[in-house]
Protein backbone atom coordinates (compact mmCIF):
# COMPACT_ATOMS: atom_id res chain seq x y z
CA MET A 1 42.50 56.95 182.24
CA LYS A 2 41.12 57.77 178.80
CA GLU A 3 38.43 59.97 180.35
CA SER A 4 41.06 62.65 181.01
CA TYR A 5 42.03 62.87 177.35
CA GLN A 6 40.66 65.98 175.67
CA ILE A 7 41.47 66.89 172.07
CA ALA A 8 41.42 70.28 170.36
CA SER A 9 38.97 70.31 167.46
CA HIS A 10 41.31 72.23 165.11
CA PHE A 11 44.03 69.53 165.27
CA TYR A 12 44.01 66.08 163.70
CA ASP A 13 44.31 63.60 166.55
CA GLU A 14 45.87 60.24 165.76
CA MET A 15 43.65 58.33 168.20
CA LEU A 16 40.29 60.15 168.35
CA LEU A 17 37.83 61.47 165.81
CA SER A 18 36.36 64.93 166.26
CA ASP A 19 33.27 63.44 167.96
CA GLY A 20 35.43 61.75 170.60
CA GLN A 21 35.14 58.24 169.16
CA HIS A 22 38.35 56.27 168.67
CA ARG A 23 39.74 55.61 165.21
CA PRO A 24 39.33 51.96 164.10
CA HIS A 25 43.04 51.13 164.17
CA TYR A 26 43.25 52.26 167.82
CA GLN A 27 40.49 49.90 168.95
CA HIS A 28 42.66 47.41 170.87
CA TYR A 29 44.69 50.15 172.49
CA TRP A 30 41.50 52.05 173.35
CA GLU A 31 40.10 48.99 175.08
CA TRP A 32 43.35 48.56 177.00
CA LEU A 33 43.24 52.22 178.12
CA GLN A 34 39.79 51.72 179.66
CA GLN A 35 41.26 49.42 182.30
CA ALA A 36 44.79 50.85 182.53
CA ASP A 37 45.84 51.82 186.05
CA LYS A 38 47.40 55.29 186.31
CA GLU A 39 49.79 54.30 189.10
CA ALA A 40 50.93 51.18 187.24
CA VAL A 41 51.63 53.24 184.12
CA ALA A 42 53.66 55.72 186.21
CA ARG A 43 55.76 52.86 187.59
CA LYS A 44 56.36 51.59 184.06
CA ARG A 45 57.55 55.05 183.05
CA GLU A 46 60.05 55.06 185.88
CA GLU A 47 61.20 51.57 184.92
CA ALA A 48 61.73 52.66 181.31
CA GLU A 49 63.79 55.67 182.37
CA LEU A 50 66.00 53.51 184.59
CA LEU A 51 66.53 50.93 181.84
CA PHE A 52 67.40 53.57 179.25
CA HIS A 53 70.00 55.02 181.63
CA ARG A 54 71.49 51.56 182.19
CA VAL A 55 71.78 50.92 178.47
CA GLY A 56 73.31 54.36 177.95
CA ILE A 57 70.70 55.82 175.61
CA THR A 58 71.73 59.42 176.14
CA PHE A 59 72.86 62.34 174.00
CA ASN A 60 74.94 65.48 174.40
CA VAL A 61 73.63 68.93 173.60
CA TYR A 62 76.20 71.16 171.92
CA GLY A 63 76.61 74.43 173.74
CA ASP A 64 75.38 72.99 177.05
CA ASP A 65 77.84 74.42 179.56
CA GLY A 66 77.07 71.63 182.00
CA GLY A 67 78.28 69.04 179.51
CA ALA A 68 76.00 66.45 181.06
CA GLU A 69 74.50 63.67 178.99
CA ARG A 70 70.73 63.79 178.71
CA LEU A 71 68.14 61.08 178.40
CA ILE A 72 65.70 61.51 175.52
CA PRO A 73 62.27 61.27 177.17
CA PHE A 74 60.35 58.16 176.12
CA ASP A 75 56.56 58.11 175.99
CA SER A 76 54.88 54.74 176.17
CA VAL A 77 51.74 55.61 174.21
CA PRO A 78 52.41 54.22 170.72
CA ARG A 79 51.74 56.12 167.54
CA ILE A 80 49.67 53.62 165.49
CA ILE A 81 49.49 53.65 161.68
CA PRO A 82 47.09 51.37 159.77
CA ALA A 83 48.53 49.15 157.03
CA GLY A 84 46.90 50.92 154.10
CA GLU A 85 48.16 54.30 155.25
CA TRP A 86 51.69 52.97 155.64
CA ALA A 87 51.58 51.41 152.16
CA MET A 88 51.00 54.90 150.72
CA LEU A 89 53.82 56.40 152.80
CA ASP A 90 56.14 53.57 151.79
CA ARG A 91 55.52 54.23 148.08
CA GLY A 92 55.97 57.96 148.51
CA ILE A 93 59.25 57.63 150.39
CA ARG A 94 60.68 55.20 147.83
CA GLN A 95 59.72 57.58 145.04
CA ARG A 96 61.34 60.52 146.81
CA VAL A 97 64.60 58.69 147.58
CA GLN A 98 64.87 57.45 144.01
CA ALA A 99 64.47 60.98 142.65
CA LEU A 100 66.95 62.48 145.13
CA ASN A 101 69.62 59.94 144.17
CA ALA A 102 68.99 60.68 140.47
CA PHE A 103 69.34 64.40 141.20
CA LEU A 104 72.65 63.92 143.02
CA HIS A 105 74.10 61.81 140.20
CA ASP A 106 72.93 64.37 137.64
CA ILE A 107 74.35 67.49 139.30
CA TYR A 108 77.76 65.84 139.61
CA HIS A 109 77.68 64.64 136.00
CA GLN A 110 75.64 65.94 133.04
CA GLN A 111 73.55 68.47 135.02
CA HIS A 112 70.49 67.96 132.83
CA ILE A 113 68.10 69.40 135.42
CA LEU A 114 70.16 72.57 135.68
CA LYS A 115 70.39 72.99 131.92
CA ALA A 116 66.63 72.51 131.66
CA GLY A 117 66.12 75.32 134.17
CA ILE A 118 64.09 73.13 136.51
CA VAL A 119 66.44 73.86 139.42
CA PRO A 120 68.39 77.14 139.24
CA ALA A 121 72.10 76.42 138.74
CA GLU A 122 73.09 79.08 141.26
CA GLN A 123 71.07 77.27 143.92
CA VAL A 124 73.25 74.20 143.43
CA LEU A 125 76.70 75.13 142.16
CA VAL A 126 77.41 77.81 144.77
CA ASN A 127 75.67 75.95 147.58
CA ASP A 128 77.93 75.38 150.58
CA GLN A 129 77.06 71.67 150.50
CA TYR A 130 77.94 71.19 146.82
CA GLN A 131 81.33 69.48 146.52
CA PRO A 132 83.13 70.18 143.21
CA CYS A 133 85.52 67.35 144.03
CA MET A 134 82.67 64.94 143.28
CA GLN A 135 82.19 66.12 139.72
CA GLY A 136 82.59 63.20 137.33
CA VAL A 137 83.10 60.66 140.13
CA ASP A 138 81.22 57.45 139.34
CA LEU A 139 79.72 55.61 142.30
CA HIS A 140 78.64 51.98 142.44
CA ARG A 141 74.97 51.72 141.41
CA ASN A 142 74.94 55.56 141.17
CA ILE A 143 73.84 55.70 144.80
CA TYR A 144 74.71 58.77 146.85
CA ALA A 145 72.21 58.55 149.71
CA HIS A 146 72.38 55.01 151.07
CA ILE A 147 70.55 56.04 154.26
CA THR A 148 67.81 58.68 154.19
CA GLY A 149 65.55 59.97 156.94
CA VAL A 150 62.40 61.67 155.66
CA ASP A 151 60.70 63.99 158.16
CA MET A 152 56.92 64.12 157.78
CA VAL A 153 53.98 65.65 159.61
CA ARG A 154 50.23 65.27 159.34
CA ASN A 155 48.25 68.49 159.05
CA SER A 156 44.75 69.27 160.31
CA ASP A 157 43.41 68.10 156.93
CA GLY A 158 44.62 64.58 157.73
CA GLU A 159 47.19 64.64 154.92
CA TYR A 160 50.90 63.90 155.33
CA TYR A 161 53.45 66.49 154.24
CA VAL A 162 57.23 66.15 153.93
CA LEU A 163 59.03 68.73 156.05
CA GLU A 164 62.57 67.89 155.00
CA ASP A 165 64.91 65.20 153.72
CA ASN A 166 67.94 64.13 155.77
CA LEU A 167 70.69 62.77 153.51
CA ARG A 168 73.93 63.68 155.25
CA THR A 169 74.17 61.66 158.44
CA PRO A 170 70.54 61.03 159.45
CA SER A 171 70.20 59.88 163.05
CA GLY A 172 67.53 58.50 165.36
CA VAL A 173 67.16 54.92 164.16
CA SER A 174 68.67 53.53 167.38
CA TYR A 175 65.85 55.17 169.35
CA MET A 176 63.31 53.60 166.99
CA LEU A 177 64.78 50.17 167.74
CA GLU A 178 65.21 50.67 171.49
CA ASN A 179 61.71 52.14 171.84
CA ARG A 180 60.27 48.96 170.35
CA LYS A 181 62.31 46.74 172.68
CA MET A 182 61.15 48.80 175.64
CA MET A 183 57.48 48.64 174.66
CA MET A 184 57.64 44.86 174.18
CA ARG A 185 59.22 44.53 177.62
CA LEU A 186 56.78 46.84 179.42
CA TYR A 187 53.53 45.92 177.65
CA PRO A 188 53.79 42.45 176.08
CA GLU A 189 50.01 42.06 176.35
CA LEU A 190 49.49 44.85 173.82
CA PHE A 191 51.55 43.05 171.19
CA ALA A 192 49.67 39.83 171.87
CA GLU A 193 46.38 41.51 170.94
CA GLN A 194 47.36 42.79 167.50
CA HIS A 195 49.89 42.25 164.73
CA VAL A 196 52.51 45.00 164.78
CA ALA A 197 55.02 44.98 161.91
CA PRO A 198 58.58 44.31 163.15
CA VAL A 199 61.40 46.87 163.00
CA GLU A 200 64.22 44.74 164.42
CA ARG A 201 65.39 43.78 160.93
CA TYR A 202 66.83 47.26 160.37
CA PRO A 203 70.46 46.45 161.36
CA SER A 204 70.58 43.45 159.03
CA HIS A 205 69.00 45.53 156.24
CA LEU A 206 71.55 48.28 156.89
CA LEU A 207 74.46 45.86 156.72
CA GLN A 208 73.13 44.34 153.50
CA THR A 209 72.71 47.82 152.00
CA LEU A 210 76.28 48.79 152.94
CA ARG A 211 77.67 45.59 151.45
CA GLU A 212 75.69 46.14 148.26
CA SER A 213 77.20 49.62 147.97
CA SER A 214 80.56 48.07 147.13
CA PRO A 215 81.56 46.10 144.01
CA VAL A 216 83.87 43.99 146.19
CA ASN A 217 82.81 40.47 147.16
CA ASP A 218 82.39 40.16 150.94
CA PRO A 219 83.46 43.77 151.66
CA VAL A 220 84.82 44.87 155.04
CA VAL A 221 82.43 47.42 156.58
CA VAL A 222 83.16 49.82 159.44
CA VAL A 223 81.29 52.63 161.20
CA LEU A 224 83.32 55.85 161.46
CA THR A 225 82.41 57.99 164.48
CA PRO A 226 83.75 61.39 165.58
CA GLY A 227 84.08 59.90 169.05
CA ARG A 228 82.27 59.54 172.33
CA PHE A 229 81.64 63.28 172.74
CA ASN A 230 79.45 63.39 169.66
CA SER A 231 75.74 63.84 170.45
CA ALA A 232 74.82 60.63 168.55
CA TYR A 233 77.69 58.45 169.79
CA PHE A 234 75.31 55.97 171.38
CA GLU A 235 73.74 55.36 167.98
CA HIS A 236 77.12 54.90 166.29
CA SER A 237 78.23 52.26 168.77
CA PHE A 238 74.78 50.66 168.85
CA LEU A 239 74.59 50.18 165.08
CA ALA A 240 78.15 48.88 164.83
CA GLN A 241 77.40 46.34 167.54
CA GLN A 242 74.09 45.32 165.98
CA MET A 243 75.70 44.84 162.55
CA GLY A 244 78.72 43.04 163.98
CA VAL A 245 81.23 45.45 162.42
CA GLU A 246 84.04 47.57 163.85
CA LEU A 247 83.37 51.01 165.30
CA VAL A 248 86.37 53.15 164.39
CA GLU A 249 87.67 56.66 164.88
CA SER A 250 90.04 58.51 162.59
CA ALA A 251 93.12 57.25 164.44
CA ASP A 252 92.11 53.67 163.64
CA LEU A 253 92.33 54.26 159.88
CA PHE A 254 95.13 55.28 157.52
CA VAL A 255 95.74 55.47 153.79
CA LYS A 256 98.48 53.47 152.09
CA ASP A 257 99.04 52.38 148.49
CA GLY A 258 95.68 53.75 147.33
CA ALA A 259 93.62 51.94 149.97
CA VAL A 260 92.10 52.66 153.38
CA LEU A 261 93.49 50.36 156.05
CA MET A 262 92.31 49.68 159.59
CA ARG A 263 94.71 49.06 162.45
CA THR A 264 94.00 45.74 164.16
CA THR A 265 95.88 43.50 166.58
CA ALA A 266 96.52 41.14 163.65
CA GLY A 267 97.95 43.89 161.48
CA PRO A 268 96.48 46.28 158.88
CA CYS A 269 93.16 45.25 157.32
CA LYS A 270 91.75 46.78 154.13
CA VAL A 271 88.41 48.61 154.55
CA ASP A 272 85.93 48.59 151.68
CA VAL A 273 82.90 50.46 153.05
CA ILE A 274 82.80 53.27 155.61
CA TYR A 275 79.43 54.13 157.13
CA ARG A 276 80.57 57.56 158.15
CA ARG A 277 78.93 59.67 160.84
CA VAL A 278 81.37 62.52 160.23
CA ASP A 279 80.40 65.58 158.19
CA ASP A 280 82.05 66.29 154.82
CA ALA A 281 84.18 69.14 156.09
CA PHE A 282 85.95 66.94 158.64
CA LEU A 283 86.47 63.77 156.58
CA ASP A 284 89.93 64.48 155.14
CA PRO A 285 92.20 67.25 156.47
CA LEU A 286 94.18 67.18 153.23
CA ALA A 287 91.11 68.02 151.14
CA PHE A 288 88.73 69.92 153.42
CA ARG A 289 89.38 71.45 156.84
CA ALA A 290 93.08 71.24 157.58
CA ASP A 291 92.41 71.50 161.33
CA SER A 292 90.16 68.43 161.42
CA MET A 293 91.18 65.74 163.89
CA LEU A 294 88.16 63.61 163.00
CA GLY A 295 89.09 62.60 159.46
CA VAL A 296 91.57 60.40 157.62
CA PRO A 297 94.32 62.12 155.60
CA GLY A 298 94.14 61.02 151.96
CA LEU A 299 90.63 59.52 152.25
CA LEU A 300 89.20 61.64 149.42
CA SER A 301 91.84 60.41 146.96
CA VAL A 302 91.01 56.77 147.72
CA TYR A 303 87.31 57.50 147.49
CA ARG A 304 87.58 59.25 144.14
CA SER A 305 89.54 56.31 142.75
CA GLY A 306 86.73 53.93 143.75
CA ASN A 307 88.80 51.93 146.24
CA VAL A 308 86.52 52.67 149.19
CA VAL A 309 82.81 53.47 149.54
CA LEU A 310 81.49 56.22 151.80
CA ALA A 311 77.89 56.02 152.94
CA ASN A 312 76.47 58.51 152.53
CA ALA A 313 78.50 59.93 149.66
CA ILE A 314 80.42 63.17 149.93
CA GLY A 315 78.29 66.03 148.63
CA THR A 316 74.85 64.59 149.43
CA GLY A 317 74.13 67.56 151.68
CA VAL A 318 73.20 69.75 148.73
CA ALA A 319 70.06 67.63 148.22
CA ASP A 320 68.80 68.09 151.79
CA ASP A 321 69.55 71.79 151.92
CA LYS A 322 66.33 73.65 152.68
CA SER A 323 66.82 75.88 149.65
CA ILE A 324 66.73 72.78 147.40
CA TYR A 325 63.79 71.13 149.20
CA PRO A 326 61.10 73.10 147.27
CA TYR A 327 62.30 71.51 144.02
CA VAL A 328 61.95 67.85 145.04
CA PRO A 329 58.47 67.48 143.47
CA ASP A 330 59.96 68.85 140.24
CA MET A 331 62.78 66.30 140.50
CA ILE A 332 60.23 63.50 140.74
CA ARG A 333 58.49 64.68 137.60
CA PHE A 334 61.77 65.30 135.76
CA TYR A 335 63.59 62.04 136.53
CA LEU A 336 60.71 59.60 137.08
CA ASP A 337 57.96 61.14 134.96
CA GLU A 338 55.56 60.64 137.86
CA ASP A 339 53.44 62.87 140.04
CA PRO A 340 54.66 63.12 143.64
CA ILE A 341 52.87 60.78 146.03
CA LEU A 342 53.85 62.89 149.06
CA ASN A 343 53.42 66.65 149.06
CA ASN A 344 55.88 69.26 150.27
CA VAL A 345 54.80 71.93 152.70
CA PRO A 346 54.10 75.13 150.68
CA THR A 347 57.41 76.98 150.88
CA TRP A 348 58.55 80.54 150.19
CA GLN A 349 62.18 81.12 149.21
CA CYS A 350 63.19 84.37 150.84
CA ARG A 351 65.96 84.95 148.28
CA LYS A 352 63.16 85.76 145.81
CA PRO A 353 62.03 89.39 146.31
CA GLN A 354 58.35 88.56 145.83
CA ASP A 355 58.52 85.69 148.33
CA LEU A 356 60.42 87.85 150.83
CA THR A 357 57.78 90.55 150.62
CA TYR A 358 55.05 88.00 151.35
CA VAL A 359 56.96 86.47 154.27
CA LEU A 360 57.69 89.82 155.90
CA ALA A 361 54.02 90.75 155.63
CA ASN A 362 52.89 87.44 157.18
CA LEU A 363 55.77 86.69 159.55
CA SER A 364 53.55 86.12 162.59
CA LYS A 365 51.80 83.24 160.76
CA MET A 366 54.87 81.45 159.42
CA VAL A 367 57.73 79.14 160.34
CA VAL A 368 61.07 80.49 159.11
CA LYS A 369 64.14 78.25 158.89
CA GLU A 370 67.80 78.70 158.05
CA VAL A 371 68.59 76.85 154.82
CA HIS A 372 71.52 75.06 156.50
CA GLY A 373 69.87 74.80 159.91
CA ALA A 374 69.19 71.62 161.85
CA GLY A 375 68.05 70.46 165.27
CA GLY A 376 65.41 73.14 165.66
CA TYR A 377 68.02 75.89 165.98
CA GLY A 378 67.93 79.21 164.13
CA MET A 379 64.22 79.06 163.37
CA LEU A 380 61.20 81.22 164.09
CA ILE A 381 57.70 79.92 164.82
CA GLY A 382 55.66 83.02 164.14
CA PRO A 383 52.40 82.22 165.98
CA VAL A 384 54.20 81.76 169.32
CA ALA A 385 56.94 84.37 168.88
CA SER A 386 57.03 87.59 170.88
CA GLN A 387 56.92 90.97 169.18
CA GLN A 388 60.62 91.41 169.92
CA GLU A 389 61.45 88.04 168.37
CA LEU A 390 59.43 88.91 165.28
CA SER A 391 61.18 92.27 165.01
CA ASP A 392 64.64 90.71 165.39
CA PHE A 393 63.91 88.01 162.82
CA ARG A 394 62.52 90.57 160.38
CA GLU A 395 65.90 92.31 160.44
CA ARG A 396 67.72 89.02 159.89
CA LEU A 397 65.56 88.27 156.88
CA LYS A 398 66.25 91.68 155.36
CA ALA A 399 70.00 91.31 155.94
CA ARG A 400 70.35 87.73 154.61
CA PRO A 401 67.20 86.72 152.71
CA ASP A 402 69.08 83.97 150.84
CA ASN A 403 69.75 82.26 154.18
CA TYR A 404 66.09 81.50 154.90
CA ILE A 405 62.98 79.76 153.67
CA ALA A 406 59.51 80.16 155.15
CA GLN A 407 56.57 77.79 155.40
CA ASP A 408 52.98 77.90 156.51
CA THR A 409 52.58 76.93 160.15
CA LEU A 410 51.03 73.51 159.93
CA SER A 411 48.71 72.23 162.63
CA LEU A 412 50.80 69.17 163.46
CA SER A 413 48.70 66.20 164.45
CA THR A 414 48.51 65.24 168.10
CA CYS A 415 48.87 61.89 169.79
CA PRO A 416 47.97 60.88 173.35
CA THR A 417 50.96 61.21 175.63
CA PHE A 418 51.36 60.28 179.28
CA ILE A 419 51.92 63.28 181.54
CA ASP A 420 51.76 63.57 185.33
CA ASN A 421 47.99 64.13 185.27
CA GLY A 422 47.16 61.33 182.86
CA LEU A 423 46.81 61.57 179.09
CA ALA A 424 47.17 64.74 177.06
CA PRO A 425 47.52 65.50 173.34
CA ARG A 426 51.02 66.47 172.19
CA HIS A 427 52.24 67.33 168.70
CA ILE A 428 54.29 64.73 166.79
CA ASP A 429 56.19 64.14 163.57
CA LEU A 430 57.52 60.99 161.89
CA ARG A 431 60.96 60.08 160.50
CA PRO A 432 60.96 56.83 158.50
CA PHE A 433 64.35 55.53 157.35
CA ALA A 434 64.98 54.36 153.78
CA LEU A 435 67.98 52.21 152.82
CA CYS A 436 69.12 52.30 149.20
CA GLY A 437 71.29 49.45 147.88
CA ALA A 438 70.37 46.94 145.18
CA ASP A 439 66.81 47.76 146.29
CA ILE A 440 65.19 50.41 148.48
CA ARG A 441 64.31 48.94 151.87
CA LEU A 442 62.18 50.40 154.66
CA VAL A 443 61.22 48.88 157.97
CA PRO A 444 57.57 49.69 158.73
CA GLY A 445 57.23 52.83 160.79
CA GLY A 446 60.13 54.97 161.90
CA LEU A 447 60.93 57.35 164.71
CA THR A 448 58.01 59.34 166.09
CA ARG A 449 59.19 62.45 167.90
CA VAL A 450 56.89 64.28 170.30
CA ALA A 451 56.88 67.87 171.55
CA LEU A 452 56.39 67.28 175.27
CA THR A 453 55.71 70.93 176.12
CA GLU A 454 52.03 71.78 175.82
CA GLY A 455 51.34 73.69 172.61
CA SER A 456 54.92 73.36 171.32
CA LEU A 457 55.53 72.39 167.69
CA VAL A 458 59.28 71.71 168.15
CA VAL A 459 59.92 67.98 168.49
CA ASN A 460 63.74 67.96 168.40
CA SER A 461 65.44 66.22 171.31
CA SER A 462 67.85 69.15 171.63
CA GLN A 463 64.80 71.36 172.25
CA GLY A 464 63.18 69.15 174.88
CA GLY A 465 61.31 66.73 172.62
CA GLY A 466 60.78 63.04 173.31
CA THR A 467 60.14 59.88 171.30
CA LYS A 468 57.44 57.24 170.88
CA ASP A 469 57.26 53.74 169.45
CA THR A 470 55.64 53.70 166.01
CA TRP A 471 53.35 50.77 165.27
CA VAL A 472 52.41 49.84 161.73
CA LEU A 473 49.59 47.31 161.87
CA GLU A 474 49.83 44.26 159.62
CA ASP A 475 46.82 42.95 157.73
CA ASP A 476 45.99 41.66 154.26
CA ALA A 477 46.21 45.14 152.76
CA SER A 478 49.84 45.49 153.82
CA CYS A 479 51.04 42.18 152.37
């Protein structure tokens, strides 16, 4: 089957070198591919799809008039990362998360980085995600982002670059876990041939992190979901079940005597930690959106008094706003006195007249994103855009330059992917998940998303992307 796999020389391919030879860490998989039967692989793909449907691993797409749940396509070719490479990524992610938490504590307290002029105050204090209600609020261990998803890509130069940081309600970890279970079920012989670092410890690490976020001994932890119509509801219920904690909606909680209580058949039960999958604006109708049916009236008051923990903290969104992203390397230097291990993608801030002029002159070569955008919506990929799309986006930029950033179009690395005709290269990214409690914990790997459409650089599931299992190989260098 491998004979059908052809790479493009201007992309970095995860499996093959430019001369067509396999990379050393793909050796066992390469040998397996030589004798893999195309029909057998196709049957395994059908089996995986059926099993995912049975488990209920689906998501809803907002704005889809049909309202039908969709299955995120799963590709059974693993993305393999050698131990030494992962060790570097692990260090870089830990460094980044540490700096982002320091930044969040600072901007809601002394604001040293703003006073030093490292990050412009107007970029923070008038940001839609900045929550003045968090000013002066002290959090246990000064942790704001307990769960962080860091999106990374590898460019044609072979180097990793951070695309964005997800600190509000990062999702996708359930697919990372279920992809691994599926691969072990479909291809146990592959795991027998090499040592792949485990990811199944994530739920226990998550529960430990949530417990460590509270000063209470043996705290009661719950997962707060907007409900079954949310696009990530499967993940909410999955993680609650895996951690052995209650999955609750707003109607299950109420505030009384300065505490958050949960309704149970045995009577009210005090809640100490809420892993919330509800955005800030909907958390408390008394403090934010009065029309919210997803929040708990009075929750903010209890939170500010320190009688309940929210993970992630209210107001973390300002640190993953795309207008703040360009300053993360400066945060690392400012708070940690270290050079960044992981580089940002070179970024132009369209609110700056000089940057806007450059972007408008090079629009066909750039990726332009809304600063508050997510899910692949509201963005322009210049090299594949039509003249009309370029013209329309040029007018948007002129009308609201502060609403956009622009980046060079990276040549995202490719990874072999099973299609109807065999193997073909498809572009991928990587989202590792970092947990911040008493320590920063990462399970090796993360969620690899794949753009299934030939030539596409958009990996988001809402835009037709799929997922892969991510294998980090264990050896002496990784211990």
